[in-house]
Amino acid sequence: MKKFRALLVSKTETGQRAEFVDWTEDQLMPGNVTIRVSHSSMNYKDGLAVTGKGPIIRQFPLIPGIDIAGKVISSSDARYKAGDDVVLGGWGVGEGHHGGFAQVARVKGDWLVPLPKGFKPEDAMAVGVAGFTSMLCVMALEEQGVKPEQGDILVTGSAGGVGSVAIMLLAKLGYKVAASTRRMNEADFLRGLGATSIVDAAEFNTPVKPLAKARWAGAVDSVGSVTLANILSQIVPEGSVAACGLAQGMDLPTSVAPFILRGVRLIGINSVTTPFPKRLATWERLARDLDMAKLHTLTTTVGLSDVPRVAEDIVAGKTRGRVVVDINK
């Protein structure tokens, strides 16, 4: 059986080890669609998985990579046939099921969507789970009635994958965006994405008041913990926060005050198991509302061999925007 290249993470006595291996299809996990992977992407979760600096991988050994784009090799799912271009993000791939950092993947057809119209595989991976999550956050704010004329929208982790795409989407839709970052030297980059103001993330890493001065009509938060708690205390009456990440931690040291005294709404965003109809609708919105030319300017492409190095950088906060992985480089 023909071999293919993969990045495999194994458990060791002192932690875990990531190494490149030659594998065959019979070593892959069960699934009804086999894909020739052309591209993947690097997300914060991928960085944690590859470096072992977060408990992301649930089964060892495992091929990480939560994003997949490629062509179907074979399928017993009637919805897909050999040669179809497909995209996958989420569903525990790269965490408990072999993921996209390999030249071949086998997955369940239920996890796939056809490559969205107007996207190349590398474009879809420039969006990836991060951009998909950003769109879900923006849609959640819209569903809660947050309108551009109501005030500024705060975006945390703004130089990262979710934050950078969220700024682009919100700006194009007419919102004024305040970009929160701990890297103030990225101010020009963030304004180029569409941010109208820059806020030092340190402002949200202070002791939490039950209620603080109302500043934001809404927020997209990928940080969690004390940052999210402070943001909730600063949302205007009837405002909303879309929460999608926990880079700072899973805790939330807040009180009920923002919710019962200002009617603040906290909306949790689950991009992992989003139902198929909503996935399609979200990709349609991305095709309509995302400036692909601008996305390309904040996208870096690396080869599969670069993944371990980039994983260290992304966890250390040294990357910005989106990182696409060309699996065959």
Protein backbone atom coordinates (compact mmCIF):
# COMPACT_ATOMS: atom_id res chain seq x y z
CA MET A 1 0.00 0.00 0.00
CA LYS A 2 1.31 3.45 -0.96
CA LYS A 3 2.75 5.44 1.94
CA PHE A 4 2.02 9.07 2.77
CA ARG A 5 3.64 11.62 5.06
CA ALA A 6 2.07 12.61 8.36
CA LEU A 7 2.91 14.50 11.56
CA LEU A 8 2.24 12.08 14.41
CA VAL A 9 2.05 13.04 18.09
CA SER A 10 2.84 10.24 20.56
CA LYS A 11 2.72 10.01 24.34
CA THR A 12 6.03 9.76 26.20
CA GLU A 13 7.01 9.28 29.83
CA THR A 14 7.67 13.01 30.18
CA GLY A 15 4.90 14.39 27.95
CA GLN A 16 4.52 13.96 24.21
CA ARG A 17 6.60 13.89 21.03
CA ALA A 18 5.73 15.15 17.52
CA GLU A 19 7.54 13.50 14.61
CA PHE A 20 7.09 12.98 10.89
CA VAL A 21 6.25 9.43 9.83
CA ASP A 22 5.37 7.47 6.71
CA TRP A 23 1.95 5.91 7.10
CA THR A 24 -0.48 3.86 5.04
CA GLU A 25 -4.25 4.15 4.74
CA ASP A 26 -4.85 1.00 6.78
CA GLN A 27 -3.37 2.82 9.81
CA LEU A 28 -6.05 5.51 9.69
CA MET A 29 -9.14 5.50 11.89
CA PRO A 30 -12.54 4.33 10.61
CA GLY A 31 -14.58 6.60 8.34
CA ASN A 32 -16.57 6.40 5.14
CA VAL A 33 -14.72 9.06 3.12
CA THR A 34 -10.99 9.07 2.34
CA ILE A 35 -9.44 12.37 1.29
CA ARG A 36 -6.23 13.38 -0.44
CA VAL A 37 -5.41 16.40 1.73
CA SER A 38 -3.97 19.42 -0.05
CA HIS A 39 -4.17 22.08 2.66
CA SER A 40 -4.80 22.56 6.35
CA SER A 41 -4.27 25.51 8.69
CA MET A 42 -2.68 26.40 12.01
CA ASN A 43 -5.02 27.43 14.81
CA TYR A 44 -4.25 28.12 18.47
CA LYS A 45 -5.73 24.73 19.31
CA ASP A 46 -3.36 23.09 16.80
CA GLY A 47 -0.45 24.86 18.44
CA LEU A 48 -1.43 23.44 21.83
CA ALA A 49 -1.92 19.98 20.34
CA VAL A 50 1.47 19.84 18.60
CA THR A 51 3.49 21.36 21.45
CA GLY A 52 1.66 19.55 24.24
CA LYS A 53 1.14 22.85 26.07
CA GLY A 54 -2.58 22.18 26.42
CA PRO A 55 -4.67 19.01 26.91
CA ILE A 56 -6.05 18.99 23.37
CA ILE A 57 -5.22 15.47 22.18
CA ARG A 58 -7.48 12.88 23.75
CA GLN A 59 -6.06 9.75 22.11
CA PHE A 60 -2.45 8.84 21.33
CA PRO A 61 -0.82 8.46 18.92
CA LEU A 62 -2.69 11.05 16.85
CA ILE A 63 -2.29 13.13 13.71
CA PRO A 64 -3.29 16.71 14.70
CA GLY A 65 -4.82 19.37 12.45
CA ILE A 66 -8.42 20.48 12.98
CA ASP A 67 -8.85 21.82 9.42
CA ILE A 68 -8.86 19.77 6.20
CA ALA A 69 -9.26 20.68 2.54
CA GLY A 70 -8.74 18.26 -0.31
CA LYS A 71 -10.22 15.86 -2.87
CA VAL A 72 -12.15 12.70 -2.16
CA ILE A 73 -10.19 9.56 -3.02
CA SER A 74 -12.98 7.10 -2.21
CA SER A 75 -16.36 7.25 -0.49
CA SER A 76 -19.16 4.97 0.64
CA ASP A 77 -21.22 8.07 1.51
CA ALA A 78 -23.66 8.74 -1.33
CA ARG A 79 -23.20 12.50 -0.95
CA TYR A 80 -19.54 12.37 -2.02
CA LYS A 81 -17.67 10.72 -4.86
CA ALA A 82 -14.04 10.47 -5.96
CA GLY A 83 -12.77 13.82 -7.19
CA ASP A 84 -15.12 15.97 -5.11
CA ASP A 85 -13.51 18.95 -3.37
CA VAL A 86 -14.40 19.00 0.33
CA VAL A 87 -13.70 20.95 3.51
CA LEU A 88 -13.76 19.89 7.15
CA GLY A 89 -13.36 21.80 10.39
CA GLY A 90 -14.18 20.67 13.91
CA TRP A 91 -15.95 17.45 14.95
CA GLY A 92 -13.04 16.41 17.17
CA VAL A 93 -10.72 15.93 14.20
CA GLY A 94 -7.14 16.59 15.30
CA GLU A 95 -8.19 15.95 18.91
CA GLY A 96 -9.65 12.44 19.07
CA HIS A 97 -9.59 11.52 15.37
CA HIS A 98 -6.64 11.74 12.95
CA GLY A 99 -6.60 15.20 11.40
CA GLY A 100 -5.27 17.32 8.59
CA PHE A 101 -1.49 17.30 9.13
CA ALA A 102 -1.13 14.36 6.76
CA GLN A 103 -1.38 13.80 3.02
CA VAL A 104 -4.36 11.45 3.48
CA ALA A 105 -7.27 11.56 5.93
CA ARG A 106 -10.26 9.28 6.55
CA VAL A 107 -13.34 10.84 8.14
CA LYS A 108 -17.12 10.59 8.38
CA GLY A 109 -19.11 12.10 5.54
CA ASP A 110 -21.34 13.84 8.10
CA TRP A 111 -18.37 16.02 9.07
CA LEU A 112 -17.76 17.34 5.56
CA VAL A 113 -19.14 20.16 3.46
CA PRO A 114 -18.49 20.60 -0.26
CA LEU A 115 -15.81 23.17 -0.99
CA PRO A 116 -17.83 26.42 -0.83
CA LYS A 117 -18.54 28.05 -4.17
CA GLY A 118 -15.98 30.70 -5.02
CA PHE A 119 -13.28 29.25 -2.75
CA LYS A 120 -10.08 27.44 -3.64
CA PRO A 121 -8.87 24.86 -1.07
CA GLU A 122 -6.19 27.27 0.16
CA ASP A 123 -8.80 30.04 0.45
CA ALA A 124 -11.05 27.82 2.55
CA MET A 125 -8.11 27.05 4.84
CA ALA A 126 -7.24 30.75 5.10
CA VAL A 127 -10.75 31.00 6.55
CA GLY A 128 -10.55 27.69 8.43
CA VAL A 129 -12.17 27.00 11.77
CA ALA A 130 -10.97 30.41 13.01
CA GLY A 131 -12.72 32.37 10.28
CA PHE A 132 -15.76 30.10 10.46
CA THR A 133 -15.95 30.79 14.19
CA SER A 134 -15.63 34.53 13.56
CA MET A 135 -18.60 34.43 11.21
CA LEU A 136 -20.65 32.49 13.77
CA CYS A 137 -19.83 35.20 16.34
CA VAL A 138 -20.88 38.00 14.01
CA MET A 139 -24.10 36.17 13.12
CA ALA A 140 -24.82 35.68 16.83
CA LEU A 141 -24.50 39.42 17.50
CA GLU A 142 -26.81 40.11 14.57
CA GLU A 143 -29.33 37.58 15.87
CA GLN A 144 -29.33 39.40 19.22
CA GLY A 145 -30.18 42.66 17.47
CA VAL A 146 -26.80 44.39 17.84
CA LYS A 147 -26.68 47.10 15.17
CA PRO A 148 -23.81 49.36 14.01
CA GLU A 149 -25.50 52.52 15.27
CA GLN A 150 -25.63 51.20 18.85
CA GLY A 151 -21.93 51.65 19.52
CA ASP A 152 -18.48 50.08 19.29
CA ILE A 153 -17.91 46.33 19.11
CA LEU A 154 -14.89 45.08 21.06
CA VAL A 155 -12.82 42.24 19.59
CA THR A 156 -10.28 40.53 21.85
CA GLY A 157 -7.27 38.53 20.68
CA SER A 158 -7.53 40.78 17.67
CA ALA A 159 -4.24 39.88 15.98
CA GLY A 160 -5.07 36.16 16.11
CA GLY A 161 -7.00 34.06 13.62
CA VAL A 162 -10.49 34.57 15.07
CA GLY A 163 -9.97 38.20 16.02
CA SER A 164 -8.45 39.36 12.74
CA VAL A 165 -11.23 37.85 10.63
CA ALA A 166 -13.90 39.16 13.03
CA ILE A 167 -12.54 42.70 12.61
CA MET A 168 -12.69 42.39 8.82
CA LEU A 169 -16.24 41.06 8.85
CA LEU A 170 -17.57 43.60 11.34
CA ALA A 171 -15.90 46.54 9.58
CA LYS A 172 -17.32 45.53 6.20
CA LEU A 173 -20.80 45.27 7.77
CA GLY A 174 -20.52 48.86 9.01
CA TYR A 175 -19.65 48.36 12.69
CA LYS A 176 -17.07 50.45 14.53
CA VAL A 177 -14.53 47.99 15.90
CA ALA A 178 -12.29 48.40 18.93
CA ALA A 179 -9.42 45.93 18.68
CA SER A 180 -7.99 44.67 21.97
CA THR A 181 -4.42 43.39 21.85
CA ARG A 182 -1.45 42.91 24.14
CA ARG A 183 0.79 43.65 21.16
CA MET A 184 0.30 47.38 20.74
CA ASN A 185 2.94 47.41 18.00
CA GLU A 186 0.28 45.72 15.82
CA ALA A 187 -1.90 48.85 15.84
CA ASP A 188 -1.28 49.72 12.17
CA PHE A 189 -1.97 46.12 11.15
CA LEU A 190 -5.27 46.12 13.04
CA ARG A 191 -6.36 49.47 11.62
CA GLY A 192 -5.60 48.07 8.18
CA LEU A 193 -8.12 45.30 8.87
CA GLY A 194 -10.77 47.87 9.70
CA ALA A 195 -10.40 48.60 13.42
CA THR A 196 -11.29 52.18 14.34
CA SER A 197 -9.59 52.13 17.73
CA ILE A 198 -6.96 50.05 19.56
CA VAL A 199 -7.25 49.05 23.22
CA ASP A 200 -4.46 47.63 25.37
CA ALA A 201 -5.55 44.15 26.50
CA ALA A 202 -4.04 44.89 29.92
CA GLU A 203 -7.14 47.02 30.61
CA PHE A 204 -9.17 43.81 30.84
CA ASN A 205 -6.72 41.93 33.06
CA THR A 206 -7.57 43.79 36.28
CA PRO A 207 -9.77 42.94 39.28
CA VAL A 208 -13.36 42.54 38.12
CA LYS A 209 -16.08 44.95 39.22
CA PRO A 210 -19.69 43.71 39.21
CA LEU A 211 -20.51 46.68 36.95
CA ALA A 212 -18.10 49.08 35.29
CA LYS A 213 -18.64 52.01 32.94
CA ALA A 214 -20.71 50.87 29.95
CA ARG A 215 -18.47 51.07 26.87
CA TRP A 216 -19.33 48.38 24.31
CA ALA A 217 -22.50 47.58 22.39
CA GLY A 218 -21.17 44.08 21.87
CA ALA A 219 -18.03 42.00 21.84
CA VAL A 220 -16.37 38.99 20.23
CA ASP A 221 -14.18 37.31 22.84
CA SER A 222 -11.68 34.51 22.28
CA VAL A 223 -9.83 34.99 25.58
CA GLY A 224 -12.22 34.09 28.40
CA SER A 225 -11.46 34.22 32.14
CA VAL A 226 -10.82 37.64 33.73
CA THR A 227 -10.86 39.35 30.34
CA LEU A 228 -14.36 38.12 29.56
CA ALA A 229 -15.56 38.96 33.06
CA ASN A 230 -14.34 42.55 32.72
CA ILE A 231 -15.91 42.87 29.28
CA LEU A 232 -19.28 41.69 30.58
CA SER A 233 -19.17 44.41 33.25
CA GLN A 234 -18.62 47.04 30.50
CA ILE A 235 -21.37 46.07 28.03
CA VAL A 236 -24.15 48.61 27.52
CA PRO A 237 -27.70 47.71 28.55
CA GLU A 238 -29.19 45.01 26.29
CA GLY A 239 -25.79 44.45 24.66
CA SER A 240 -24.36 41.04 23.77
CA VAL A 241 -21.07 39.15 23.91
CA ALA A 242 -20.21 36.21 21.64
CA ALA A 243 -17.69 34.02 23.51
CA CYS A 244 -15.69 31.48 21.52
CA GLY A 245 -12.35 30.91 23.24
CA LEU A 246 -10.44 30.38 26.46
CA ALA A 247 -6.86 31.45 25.73
CA GLN A 248 -6.62 33.03 29.20
CA GLY A 249 -8.52 30.28 31.01
CA MET A 250 -11.82 28.44 31.44
CA ASP A 251 -12.85 30.27 34.61
CA LEU A 252 -15.26 33.20 34.59
CA PRO A 253 -14.97 35.32 37.78
CA THR A 254 -18.08 37.43 37.27
CA SER A 255 -21.40 38.05 39.01
CA VAL A 256 -25.01 38.10 37.90
CA ALA A 257 -24.98 41.92 37.94
CA PRO A 258 -24.41 42.51 34.18
CA PHE A 259 -27.14 40.04 33.30
CA ILE A 260 -29.91 41.17 35.65
CA LEU A 261 -29.13 44.89 35.97
CA ARG A 262 -28.24 45.63 32.33
CA GLY A 263 -29.81 42.71 30.49
CA VAL A 264 -26.46 41.70 29.01
CA ARG A 265 -26.52 38.52 26.94
CA LEU A 266 -23.60 36.07 26.83
CA ILE A 267 -23.77 33.84 23.74
CA GLY A 268 -21.60 30.73 23.62
CA ILE A 269 -20.25 29.86 20.17
CA ASN A 270 -19.75 26.16 19.37
CA SER A 271 -18.01 25.80 16.02
CA VAL A 272 -17.06 22.14 16.60
CA THR A 273 -20.41 20.43 16.06
CA THR A 274 -22.34 23.09 14.14
CA PRO A 275 -25.21 21.34 12.30
CA PHE A 276 -24.83 20.90 8.54
CA PRO A 277 -27.50 23.45 7.48
CA LYS A 278 -25.94 26.17 9.64
CA ARG A 279 -22.46 25.26 8.38
CA LEU A 280 -23.60 25.82 4.80
CA ALA A 281 -25.31 29.09 5.72
CA THR A 282 -22.18 30.29 7.52
CA TRP A 283 -19.94 29.52 4.54
CA GLU A 284 -22.41 31.37 2.30
CA ARG A 285 -22.12 34.42 4.54
CA LEU A 286 -18.33 34.18 4.44
CA ALA A 287 -18.41 34.08 0.64
CA ARG A 288 -20.58 37.21 0.64
CA ASP A 289 -19.15 39.26 3.50
CA LEU A 290 -15.44 38.40 3.70
CA ASP A 291 -12.98 40.45 1.67
CA MET A 292 -10.82 37.64 0.26
CA ALA A 293 -8.21 40.04 -1.13
CA LYS A 294 -7.74 41.48 2.35
CA LEU A 295 -7.71 37.98 3.87
CA HIS A 296 -4.84 37.07 1.56
CA THR A 297 -2.81 40.00 2.89
CA LEU A 298 -2.96 38.61 6.43
CA THR A 299 -2.39 34.97 5.44
CA THR A 300 0.98 33.21 5.59
CA THR A 301 1.51 29.86 3.88
CA VAL A 302 3.92 27.29 5.30
CA GLY A 303 4.75 23.68 4.50
CA LEU A 304 3.93 20.61 6.56
CA SER A 305 7.57 20.50 7.69
CA ASP A 306 7.13 23.94 9.27
CA VAL A 307 4.23 22.95 11.52
CA PRO A 308 6.24 22.14 14.70
CA ARG A 309 8.03 25.51 14.53
CA VAL A 310 4.86 27.45 13.81
CA ALA A 311 3.09 25.62 16.63
CA GLU A 312 5.60 27.04 19.10
CA ASP A 313 5.18 30.52 17.63
CA ILE A 314 1.38 30.50 17.71
CA VAL A 315 1.27 29.42 21.36
CA ALA A 316 3.82 32.12 22.22
CA GLY A 317 1.66 34.76 20.50
CA LYS A 318 4.25 35.44 17.81
CA THR A 319 1.96 34.94 14.81
CA ARG A 320 -0.78 37.16 13.46
CA GLY A 321 -3.63 36.61 11.05
CA ARG A 322 -4.04 33.21 9.43
CA VAL A 323 -1.51 30.48 8.68
CA VAL A 324 -2.28 28.03 5.85
CA VAL A 325 -0.41 24.72 5.69
CA ASP A 326 0.42 23.37 2.22
CA ILE A 327 0.52 19.67 3.05
CA ASN A 328 2.65 18.72 0.05
CA LYS A 329 5.49 21.13 0.87
